[in-house]
Protein backbone atom coordinates (compact mmCIF):
# COMPACT_ATOMS: atom_id res chain seq x y z
CA UNK A 1 0.00 0.00 0.00
CA UNK A 2 1.34 3.45 -0.94
CA UNK A 3 0.60 6.47 1.26
CA UNK A 4 0.95 10.09 0.28
CA UNK A 5 1.21 12.85 2.82
CA UNK A 6 0.47 16.34 1.62
CA UNK A 7 1.77 19.09 3.87
CA UNK A 8 0.57 22.61 3.32
CA UNK A 9 2.29 25.64 4.70
CA UNK A 10 0.16 28.63 5.54
CA UNK A 11 1.60 31.84 4.09
CA UNK A 12 1.07 35.22 5.72
CA UNK A 13 2.30 38.50 4.23
CA UNK A 14 2.28 41.86 5.99
CA UNK A 15 3.91 45.27 5.58
CA UNK A 16 6.47 46.37 8.15
CA UNK A 17 5.00 49.08 10.36
CA UNK A 18 1.58 47.50 10.95
CA UNK A 19 0.46 47.14 14.56
CA UNK A 20 0.37 43.34 14.56
CA UNK A 21 0.06 40.18 12.49
CA UNK A 22 -1.64 36.89 13.34
CA UNK A 23 -0.09 33.50 12.63
CA UNK A 24 -3.22 31.32 12.47
CA UNK A 25 -3.70 27.87 13.98
CA UNK A 26 -7.16 26.54 14.82
CA UNK A 27 -7.71 22.94 15.81
CA UNK A 28 -9.86 20.73 18.01
CA UNK A 29 -11.09 22.34 21.22
CA UNK A 30 -11.24 20.97 24.76
CA UNK A 31 -7.67 19.81 25.23
CA UNK A 32 -6.45 18.76 28.70
CA UNK A 33 -4.93 21.34 31.06
CA UNK A 34 -1.53 19.63 30.90
CA UNK A 35 -1.23 20.37 27.16
CA UNK A 36 1.81 22.40 26.10
CA UNK A 37 1.68 24.79 23.12
CA UNK A 38 4.96 26.09 21.67
CA UNK A 39 5.58 28.51 18.80
CA UNK A 40 9.09 28.51 17.34
CA UNK A 41 10.76 30.26 14.44
CA UNK A 42 12.48 27.35 12.71
CA UNK A 43 13.96 29.25 9.76
CA UNK A 44 16.24 31.05 9.44
CA UNK A 45 18.30 29.01 11.85
CA UNK A 46 18.94 28.77 14.71
CA UNK A 47 15.50 27.69 15.93
CA UNK A 48 14.24 30.09 18.61
CA UNK A 49 11.29 29.96 20.99
CA UNK A 50 8.77 32.64 20.07
CA UNK A 51 6.13 31.86 22.71
CA UNK A 52 5.31 28.93 24.95
CA UNK A 53 2.12 28.11 26.83
CA UNK A 54 2.66 25.09 29.05
CA UNK A 55 0.14 23.82 31.53
CA UNK A 56 -2.31 26.69 31.32
CA UNK A 57 -0.03 29.71 31.80
CA UNK A 58 2.14 31.90 29.59
CA UNK A 59 5.93 31.57 30.11
CA UNK A 60 7.62 34.80 28.93
CA UNK A 61 10.95 33.88 30.56
CA UNK A 62 11.33 31.01 28.07
CA UNK A 63 10.91 33.28 25.04
CA UNK A 64 13.75 34.47 22.88
CA UNK A 65 14.47 38.12 23.78
CA UNK A 66 13.62 39.28 20.24
CA UNK A 67 10.00 38.22 20.82
CA UNK A 68 9.59 39.15 24.48
CA UNK A 69 6.62 41.50 25.05
CA UNK A 70 5.71 41.19 21.34
CA UNK A 71 3.61 38.01 21.31
CA UNK A 72 0.21 37.01 22.56
CA UNK A 73 -1.87 33.84 22.58
CA UNK A 74 -5.46 33.49 23.76
CA UNK A 75 -5.92 32.78 27.45
CA UNK A 76 -8.60 30.17 26.66
CA UNK A 77 -6.67 28.44 23.88
CA UNK A 78 -7.07 24.94 25.32
CA UNK A 79 -10.86 25.34 25.49
CA UNK A 80 -11.26 26.98 22.07
CA UNK A 81 -8.52 25.21 20.10
CA UNK A 82 -7.35 28.60 18.78
CA UNK A 83 -3.57 28.49 19.09
CA UNK A 84 -3.02 31.48 16.81
CA UNK A 85 -0.10 33.73 17.70
CA UNK A 86 -0.32 37.50 17.50
CA UNK A 87 3.03 39.15 16.81
CA UNK A 88 3.11 42.86 17.64
CA UNK A 89 5.09 45.36 15.56
CA UNK A 90 6.36 42.86 12.97
CA UNK A 91 9.75 43.73 11.47
CA UNK A 92 11.43 42.63 8.28
CA UNK A 93 13.77 40.52 10.44
CA UNK A 94 10.72 38.53 11.65
CA UNK A 95 10.37 37.05 8.15
CA UNK A 96 10.74 33.29 8.36
CA UNK A 97 9.13 29.93 8.95
CA UNK A 98 7.23 29.44 12.21
CA UNK A 99 5.93 26.20 13.69
CA UNK A 100 3.35 25.71 16.39
CA UNK A 101 3.58 22.35 18.12
CA UNK A 102 1.01 20.99 20.59
CA UNK A 103 2.31 18.39 23.06
CA UNK A 104 0.46 16.06 25.40
CA UNK A 105 1.49 15.53 29.03
CA UNK A 106 4.10 12.95 27.96
CA UNK A 107 5.76 15.36 25.53
CA UNK A 108 4.38 13.64 22.43
CA UNK A 109 3.42 15.85 19.50
CA UNK A 110 -0.34 15.69 19.01
CA UNK A 111 -0.78 18.56 16.52
CA UNK A 112 1.39 21.01 14.61
CA UNK A 113 1.22 23.70 11.97
CA UNK A 114 3.80 25.57 9.93
CA UNK A 115 3.34 29.20 8.93
CA UNK A 116 5.54 31.13 6.51
CA UNK A 117 5.65 34.82 7.47
CA UNK A 118 6.90 37.49 5.11
CA UNK A 119 7.25 40.99 6.50
CA UNK A 120 7.83 43.32 3.61
CA UNK A 121 10.31 45.93 4.77
CA UNK A 122 9.95 49.64 4.31
CA UNK A 123 13.18 51.10 3.04
CA UNK A 124 14.47 54.13 1.24
CA UNK A 125 16.32 53.57 -2.01
CA UNK A 126 19.72 55.21 -1.47
CA UNK A 127 20.97 54.34 -4.92
CA UNK A 128 23.61 51.99 -3.52
CA UNK A 129 23.72 48.53 -4.99
CA UNK A 130 25.23 45.28 -3.75
CA UNK A 131 26.78 42.54 -5.82
CA UNK A 132 27.37 38.99 -4.60
CA UNK A 133 30.48 37.47 -6.09
CA UNK A 134 31.15 33.74 -5.94
CA UNK A 135 34.88 33.21 -5.56
CA UNK A 136 35.83 29.63 -6.30
CA UNK A 137 39.13 28.32 -4.96
CA UNK A 138 40.27 31.53 -3.24
CA UNK A 139 41.11 31.35 0.45
CA UNK A 140 41.19 35.12 0.81
CA UNK A 141 40.78 38.08 -1.45
CA UNK A 142 44.41 39.08 -0.93
CA UNK A 143 45.40 36.05 -3.06
CA UNK A 144 42.39 36.22 -5.33
CA UNK A 145 42.63 37.31 -8.95
CA UNK A 146 39.69 39.62 -8.28
CA UNK A 147 41.48 41.55 -5.50
CA UNK A 148 42.75 44.31 -7.83
CA UNK A 149 39.13 45.06 -8.64
CA UNK A 150 37.74 45.02 -5.11
CA UNK A 151 40.66 45.56 -2.76
CA UNK A 152 41.61 43.47 0.23
CA UNK A 153 38.38 43.10 2.25
CA UNK A 154 37.31 40.40 4.73
CA UNK A 155 35.36 37.55 3.21
CA UNK A 156 33.92 34.14 3.85
CA UNK A 157 35.51 31.25 1.93
CA UNK A 158 32.95 31.25 -0.90
CA UNK A 159 30.93 34.43 -0.91
CA UNK A 160 31.85 38.08 -0.71
CA UNK A 161 29.49 41.00 -0.29
CA UNK A 162 30.65 44.15 -1.99
CA UNK A 163 28.58 47.21 -1.29
CA UNK A 164 28.35 50.32 -3.41
CA UNK A 165 30.09 48.62 -6.31
CA UNK A 166 28.97 49.47 -9.81
CA UNK A 167 31.03 47.61 -12.40
CA UNK A 168 31.95 49.73 -15.37
CA UNK A 169 31.70 48.52 -18.92
CA UNK A 170 35.41 47.64 -19.09
CA UNK A 171 35.31 45.23 -16.13
CA UNK A 172 34.35 41.61 -16.75
CA UNK A 173 32.89 40.45 -13.47
C-alpha atoms as a PDB file:
ATOM      1  CA  UNK A   1       0.000   0.000   0.000  1.00  0.00           C
ATOM      2  CA  UNK A   2       1.337   3.445  -0.942  1.00  0.00           C
ATOM      3  CA  UNK A   3       0.600   6.473   1.265  1.00  0.00           C
ATOM      4  CA  UNK A   4       0.949  10.090   0.278  1.00  0.00           C
ATOM      5  CA  UNK A   5       1.212  12.852   2.824  1.00  0.00           C
ATOM      6  CA  UNK A   6       0.466  16.343   1.618  1.00  0.00           C
ATOM      7  CA  UNK A   7       1.770  19.085   3.866  1.00  0.00           C
ATOM      8  CA  UNK A   8       0.565  22.605   3.324  1.00  0.00           C
ATOM      9  CA  UNK A   9       2.292  25.638   4.695  1.00  0.00           C
ATOM     10  CA  UNK A  10       0.155  28.627   5.544  1.00  0.00           C
ATOM     11  CA  UNK A  11       1.602  31.837   4.094  1.00  0.00           C
ATOM     12  CA  UNK A  12       1.075  35.221   5.725  1.00  0.00           C
ATOM     13  CA  UNK A  13       2.301  38.503   4.234  1.00  0.00           C
ATOM     14  CA  UNK A  14       2.282  41.860   5.987  1.00  0.00           C
ATOM     15  CA  UNK A  15       3.912  45.266   5.585  1.00  0.00           C
ATOM     16  CA  UNK A  16       6.469  46.371   8.148  1.00  0.00           C
ATOM     17  CA  UNK A  17       5.005  49.078  10.359  1.00  0.00           C
ATOM     18  CA  UNK A  18       1.584  47.502  10.951  1.00  0.00           C
ATOM     19  CA  UNK A  19       0.464  47.144  14.560  1.00  0.00           C
ATOM     20  CA  UNK A  20       0.370  43.335  14.561  1.00  0.00           C
ATOM     21  CA  UNK A  21       0.064  40.176  12.492  1.00  0.00           C
ATOM     22  CA  UNK A  22      -1.642  36.891  13.340  1.00  0.00           C
ATOM     23  CA  UNK A  23      -0.094  33.498  12.628  1.00  0.00           C
ATOM     24  CA  UNK A  24      -3.218  31.316  12.468  1.00  0.00           C
ATOM     25  CA  UNK A  25      -3.704  27.874  13.976  1.00  0.00           C
ATOM     26  CA  UNK A  26      -7.158  26.536  14.825  1.00  0.00           C
ATOM     27  CA  UNK A  27      -7.713  22.937  15.811  1.00  0.00           C
ATOM     28  CA  UNK A  28      -9.856  20.732  18.011  1.00  0.00           C
ATOM     29  CA  UNK A  29     -11.093  22.345  21.218  1.00  0.00           C
ATOM     30  CA  UNK A  30     -11.244  20.973  24.757  1.00  0.00           C
ATOM     31  CA  UNK A  31      -7.670  19.812  25.230  1.00  0.00           C
ATOM     32  CA  UNK A  32      -6.449  18.762  28.704  1.00  0.00           C
ATOM     33  CA  UNK A  33      -4.930  21.341  31.063  1.00  0.00           C
ATOM     34  CA  UNK A  34      -1.526  19.632  30.897  1.00  0.00           C
ATOM     35  CA  UNK A  35      -1.227  20.369  27.164  1.00  0.00           C
ATOM     36  CA  UNK A  36       1.806  22.404  26.101  1.00  0.00           C
ATOM     37  CA  UNK A  37       1.685  24.794  23.116  1.00  0.00           C
ATOM     38  CA  UNK A  38       4.955  26.090  21.666  1.00  0.00           C
ATOM     39  CA  UNK A  39       5.579  28.514  18.805  1.00  0.00           C
ATOM     40  CA  UNK A  40       9.090  28.509  17.339  1.00  0.00           C
ATOM     41  CA  UNK A  41      10.758  30.261  14.445  1.00  0.00           C
ATOM     42  CA  UNK A  42      12.483  27.353  12.706  1.00  0.00           C
ATOM     43  CA  UNK A  43      13.956  29.250   9.762  1.00  0.00           C
ATOM     44  CA  UNK A  44      16.243  31.049   9.437  1.00  0.00           C
ATOM     45  CA  UNK A  45      18.299  29.014  11.850  1.00  0.00           C
ATOM     46  CA  UNK A  46      18.936  28.768  14.709  1.00  0.00           C
ATOM     47  CA  UNK A  47      15.503  27.688  15.927  1.00  0.00           C
ATOM     48  CA  UNK A  48      14.238  30.086  18.606  1.00  0.00           C
ATOM     49  CA  UNK A  49      11.290  29.957  20.989  1.00  0.00           C
ATOM     50  CA  UNK A  50       8.773  32.641  20.070  1.00  0.00           C
ATOM     51  CA  UNK A  51       6.135  31.862  22.713  1.00  0.00           C
ATOM     52  CA  UNK A  52       5.306  28.933  24.947  1.00  0.00           C
ATOM     53  CA  UNK A  53       2.120  28.113  26.831  1.00  0.00           C
ATOM     54  CA  UNK A  54       2.655  25.086  29.052  1.00  0.00           C
ATOM     55  CA  UNK A  55       0.144  23.823  31.532  1.00  0.00           C
ATOM     56  CA  UNK A  56      -2.311  26.692  31.318  1.00  0.00           C
ATOM     57  CA  UNK A  57      -0.029  29.709  31.801  1.00  0.00           C
ATOM     58  CA  UNK A  58       2.144  31.897  29.586  1.00  0.00           C
ATOM     59  CA  UNK A  59       5.930  31.573  30.108  1.00  0.00           C
ATOM     60  CA  UNK A  60       7.624  34.803  28.931  1.00  0.00           C
ATOM     61  CA  UNK A  61      10.952  33.877  30.560  1.00  0.00           C
ATOM     62  CA  UNK A  62      11.332  31.015  28.069  1.00  0.00           C
ATOM     63  CA  UNK A  63      10.906  33.277  25.040  1.00  0.00           C
ATOM     64  CA  UNK A  64      13.752  34.474  22.877  1.00  0.00           C
ATOM     65  CA  UNK A  65      14.466  38.118  23.776  1.00  0.00           C
ATOM     66  CA  UNK A  66      13.619  39.280  20.238  1.00  0.00           C
ATOM     67  CA  UNK A  67      10.000  38.222  20.815  1.00  0.00           C
ATOM     68  CA  UNK A  68       9.585  39.149  24.478  1.00  0.00           C
ATOM     69  CA  UNK A  69       6.617  41.502  25.048  1.00  0.00           C
ATOM     70  CA  UNK A  70       5.708  41.195  21.339  1.00  0.00           C
ATOM     71  CA  UNK A  71       3.614  38.007  21.307  1.00  0.00           C
ATOM     72  CA  UNK A  72       0.211  37.008  22.560  1.00  0.00           C
ATOM     73  CA  UNK A  73      -1.869  33.839  22.580  1.00  0.00           C
ATOM     74  CA  UNK A  74      -5.455  33.492  23.763  1.00  0.00           C
ATOM     75  CA  UNK A  75      -5.917  32.778  27.445  1.00  0.00           C
ATOM     76  CA  UNK A  76      -8.596  30.170  26.664  1.00  0.00           C
ATOM     77  CA  UNK A  77      -6.673  28.443  23.883  1.00  0.00           C
ATOM     78  CA  UNK A  78      -7.071  24.938  25.324  1.00  0.00           C
ATOM     79  CA  UNK A  79     -10.858  25.341  25.487  1.00  0.00           C
ATOM     80  CA  UNK A  80     -11.260  26.983  22.067  1.00  0.00           C
ATOM     81  CA  UNK A  81      -8.517  25.213  20.098  1.00  0.00           C
ATOM     82  CA  UNK A  82      -7.351  28.599  18.779  1.00  0.00           C
ATOM     83  CA  UNK A  83      -3.565  28.488  19.086  1.00  0.00           C
ATOM     84  CA  UNK A  84      -3.020  31.482  16.807  1.00  0.00           C
ATOM     85  CA  UNK A  85      -0.100  33.725  17.699  1.00  0.00           C
ATOM     86  CA  UNK A  86      -0.324  37.504  17.497  1.00  0.00           C
ATOM     87  CA  UNK A  87       3.027  39.147  16.805  1.00  0.00           C
ATOM     88  CA  UNK A  88       3.106  42.863  17.636  1.00  0.00           C
ATOM     89  CA  UNK A  89       5.094  45.363  15.555  1.00  0.00           C
ATOM     90  CA  UNK A  90       6.364  42.860  12.966  1.00  0.00           C
ATOM     91  CA  UNK A  91       9.748  43.726  11.472  1.00  0.00           C
ATOM     92  CA  UNK A  92      11.435  42.633   8.276  1.00  0.00           C
ATOM     93  CA  UNK A  93      13.769  40.518  10.443  1.00  0.00           C
ATOM     94  CA  UNK A  94      10.720  38.526  11.645  1.00  0.00           C
ATOM     95  CA  UNK A  95      10.367  37.048   8.148  1.00  0.00           C
ATOM     96  CA  UNK A  96      10.737  33.285   8.355  1.00  0.00           C
ATOM     97  CA  UNK A  97       9.125  29.929   8.949  1.00  0.00           C
ATOM     98  CA  UNK A  98       7.228  29.442  12.206  1.00  0.00           C
ATOM     99  CA  UNK A  99       5.931  26.205  13.686  1.00  0.00           C
ATOM    100  CA  UNK A 100       3.354  25.709  16.390  1.00  0.00           C
ATOM    101  CA  UNK A 101       3.578  22.347  18.125  1.00  0.00           C
ATOM    102  CA  UNK A 102       1.007  20.994  20.588  1.00  0.00           C
ATOM    103  CA  UNK A 103       2.306  18.390  23.060  1.00  0.00           C
ATOM    104  CA  UNK A 104       0.458  16.060  25.402  1.00  0.00           C
ATOM    105  CA  UNK A 105       1.488  15.531  29.029  1.00  0.00           C
ATOM    106  CA  UNK A 106       4.099  12.947  27.964  1.00  0.00           C
ATOM    107  CA  UNK A 107       5.761  15.364  25.528  1.00  0.00           C
ATOM    108  CA  UNK A 108       4.381  13.640  22.430  1.00  0.00           C
ATOM    109  CA  UNK A 109       3.423  15.852  19.500  1.00  0.00           C
ATOM    110  CA  UNK A 110      -0.338  15.695  19.012  1.00  0.00           C
ATOM    111  CA  UNK A 111      -0.784  18.556  16.519  1.00  0.00           C
ATOM    112  CA  UNK A 112       1.388  21.008  14.611  1.00  0.00           C
ATOM    113  CA  UNK A 113       1.216  23.696  11.974  1.00  0.00           C
ATOM    114  CA  UNK A 114       3.802  25.567   9.933  1.00  0.00           C
ATOM    115  CA  UNK A 115       3.337  29.198   8.926  1.00  0.00           C
ATOM    116  CA  UNK A 116       5.545  31.129   6.515  1.00  0.00           C
ATOM    117  CA  UNK A 117       5.646  34.819   7.475  1.00  0.00           C
ATOM    118  CA  UNK A 118       6.898  37.488   5.110  1.00  0.00           C
ATOM    119  CA  UNK A 119       7.247  40.993   6.503  1.00  0.00           C
ATOM    120  CA  UNK A 120       7.825  43.322   3.606  1.00  0.00           C
ATOM    121  CA  UNK A 121      10.310  45.929   4.771  1.00  0.00           C
ATOM    122  CA  UNK A 122       9.953  49.641   4.308  1.00  0.00           C
ATOM    123  CA  UNK A 123      13.180  51.100   3.037  1.00  0.00           C
ATOM    124  CA  UNK A 124      14.466  54.132   1.242  1.00  0.00           C
ATOM    125  CA  UNK A 125      16.323  53.570  -2.009  1.00  0.00           C
ATOM    126  CA  UNK A 126      19.719  55.210  -1.475  1.00  0.00           C
ATOM    127  CA  UNK A 127      20.967  54.340  -4.921  1.00  0.00           C
ATOM    128  CA  UNK A 128      23.608  51.992  -3.520  1.00  0.00           C
ATOM    129  CA  UNK A 129      23.719  48.526  -4.985  1.00  0.00           C
ATOM    130  CA  UNK A 130      25.229  45.283  -3.754  1.00  0.00           C
ATOM    131  CA  UNK A 131      26.781  42.544  -5.816  1.00  0.00           C
ATOM    132  CA  UNK A 132      27.369  38.990  -4.600  1.00  0.00           C
ATOM    133  CA  UNK A 133      30.482  37.465  -6.091  1.00  0.00           C
ATOM    134  CA  UNK A 134      31.152  33.738  -5.936  1.00  0.00           C
ATOM    135  CA  UNK A 135      34.883  33.210  -5.560  1.00  0.00           C
ATOM    136  CA  UNK A 136      35.834  29.631  -6.300  1.00  0.00           C
ATOM    137  CA  UNK A 137      39.129  28.324  -4.960  1.00  0.00           C
ATOM    138  CA  UNK A 138      40.273  31.535  -3.236  1.00  0.00           C
ATOM    139  CA  UNK A 139      41.107  31.346   0.445  1.00  0.00           C
ATOM    140  CA  UNK A 140      41.189  35.118   0.815  1.00  0.00           C
ATOM    141  CA  UNK A 141      40.776  38.076  -1.449  1.00  0.00           C
ATOM    142  CA  UNK A 142      44.411  39.077  -0.932  1.00  0.00           C
ATOM    143  CA  UNK A 143      45.400  36.047  -3.064  1.00  0.00           C
ATOM    144  CA  UNK A 144      42.389  36.221  -5.328  1.00  0.00           C
ATOM    145  CA  UNK A 145      42.629  37.306  -8.953  1.00  0.00           C
ATOM    146  CA  UNK A 146      39.686  39.624  -8.284  1.00  0.00           C
ATOM    147  CA  UNK A 147      41.479  41.554  -5.504  1.00  0.00           C
ATOM    148  CA  UNK A 148      42.750  44.309  -7.833  1.00  0.00           C
ATOM    149  CA  UNK A 149      39.130  45.058  -8.642  1.00  0.00           C
ATOM    150  CA  UNK A 150      37.743  45.017  -5.113  1.00  0.00           C
ATOM    151  CA  UNK A 151      40.656  45.562  -2.763  1.00  0.00           C
ATOM    152  CA  UNK A 152      41.609  43.465   0.226  1.00  0.00           C
ATOM    153  CA  UNK A 153      38.381  43.099   2.254  1.00  0.00           C
ATOM    154  CA  UNK A 154      37.308  40.401   4.729  1.00  0.00           C
ATOM    155  CA  UNK A 155      35.358  37.554   3.214  1.00  0.00           C
ATOM    156  CA  UNK A 156      33.924  34.145   3.851  1.00  0.00           C
ATOM    157  CA  UNK A 157      35.506  31.253   1.930  1.00  0.00           C
ATOM    158  CA  UNK A 158      32.955  31.245  -0.895  1.00  0.00           C
ATOM    159  CA  UNK A 159      30.932  34.429  -0.913  1.00  0.00           C
ATOM    160  CA  UNK A 160      31.854  38.077  -0.706  1.00  0.00           C
ATOM    161  CA  UNK A 161      29.489  40.996  -0.289  1.00  0.00           C
ATOM    162  CA  UNK A 162      30.654  44.147  -1.987  1.00  0.00           C
ATOM    163  CA  UNK A 163      28.581  47.214  -1.291  1.00  0.00           C
ATOM    164  CA  UNK A 164      28.353  50.321  -3.413  1.00  0.00           C
ATOM    165  CA  UNK A 165      30.093  48.618  -6.310  1.00  0.00           C
ATOM    166  CA  UNK A 166      28.968  49.470  -9.806  1.00  0.00           C
ATOM    167  CA  UNK A 167      31.034  47.607 -12.401  1.00  0.00           C
ATOM    168  CA  UNK A 168      31.950  49.733 -15.373  1.00  0.00           C
ATOM    169  CA  UNK A 169      31.697  48.520 -18.920  1.00  0.00           C
ATOM    170  CA  UNK A 170      35.407  47.642 -19.085  1.00  0.00           C
ATOM    171  CA  UNK A 171      35.309  45.232 -16.130  1.00  0.00           C
ATOM    172  CA  UNK A 172      34.347  41.610 -16.754  1.00  0.00           C
ATOM    173  CA  UNK A 173      32.894  40.449 -13.473  1.00  0.00           C
END
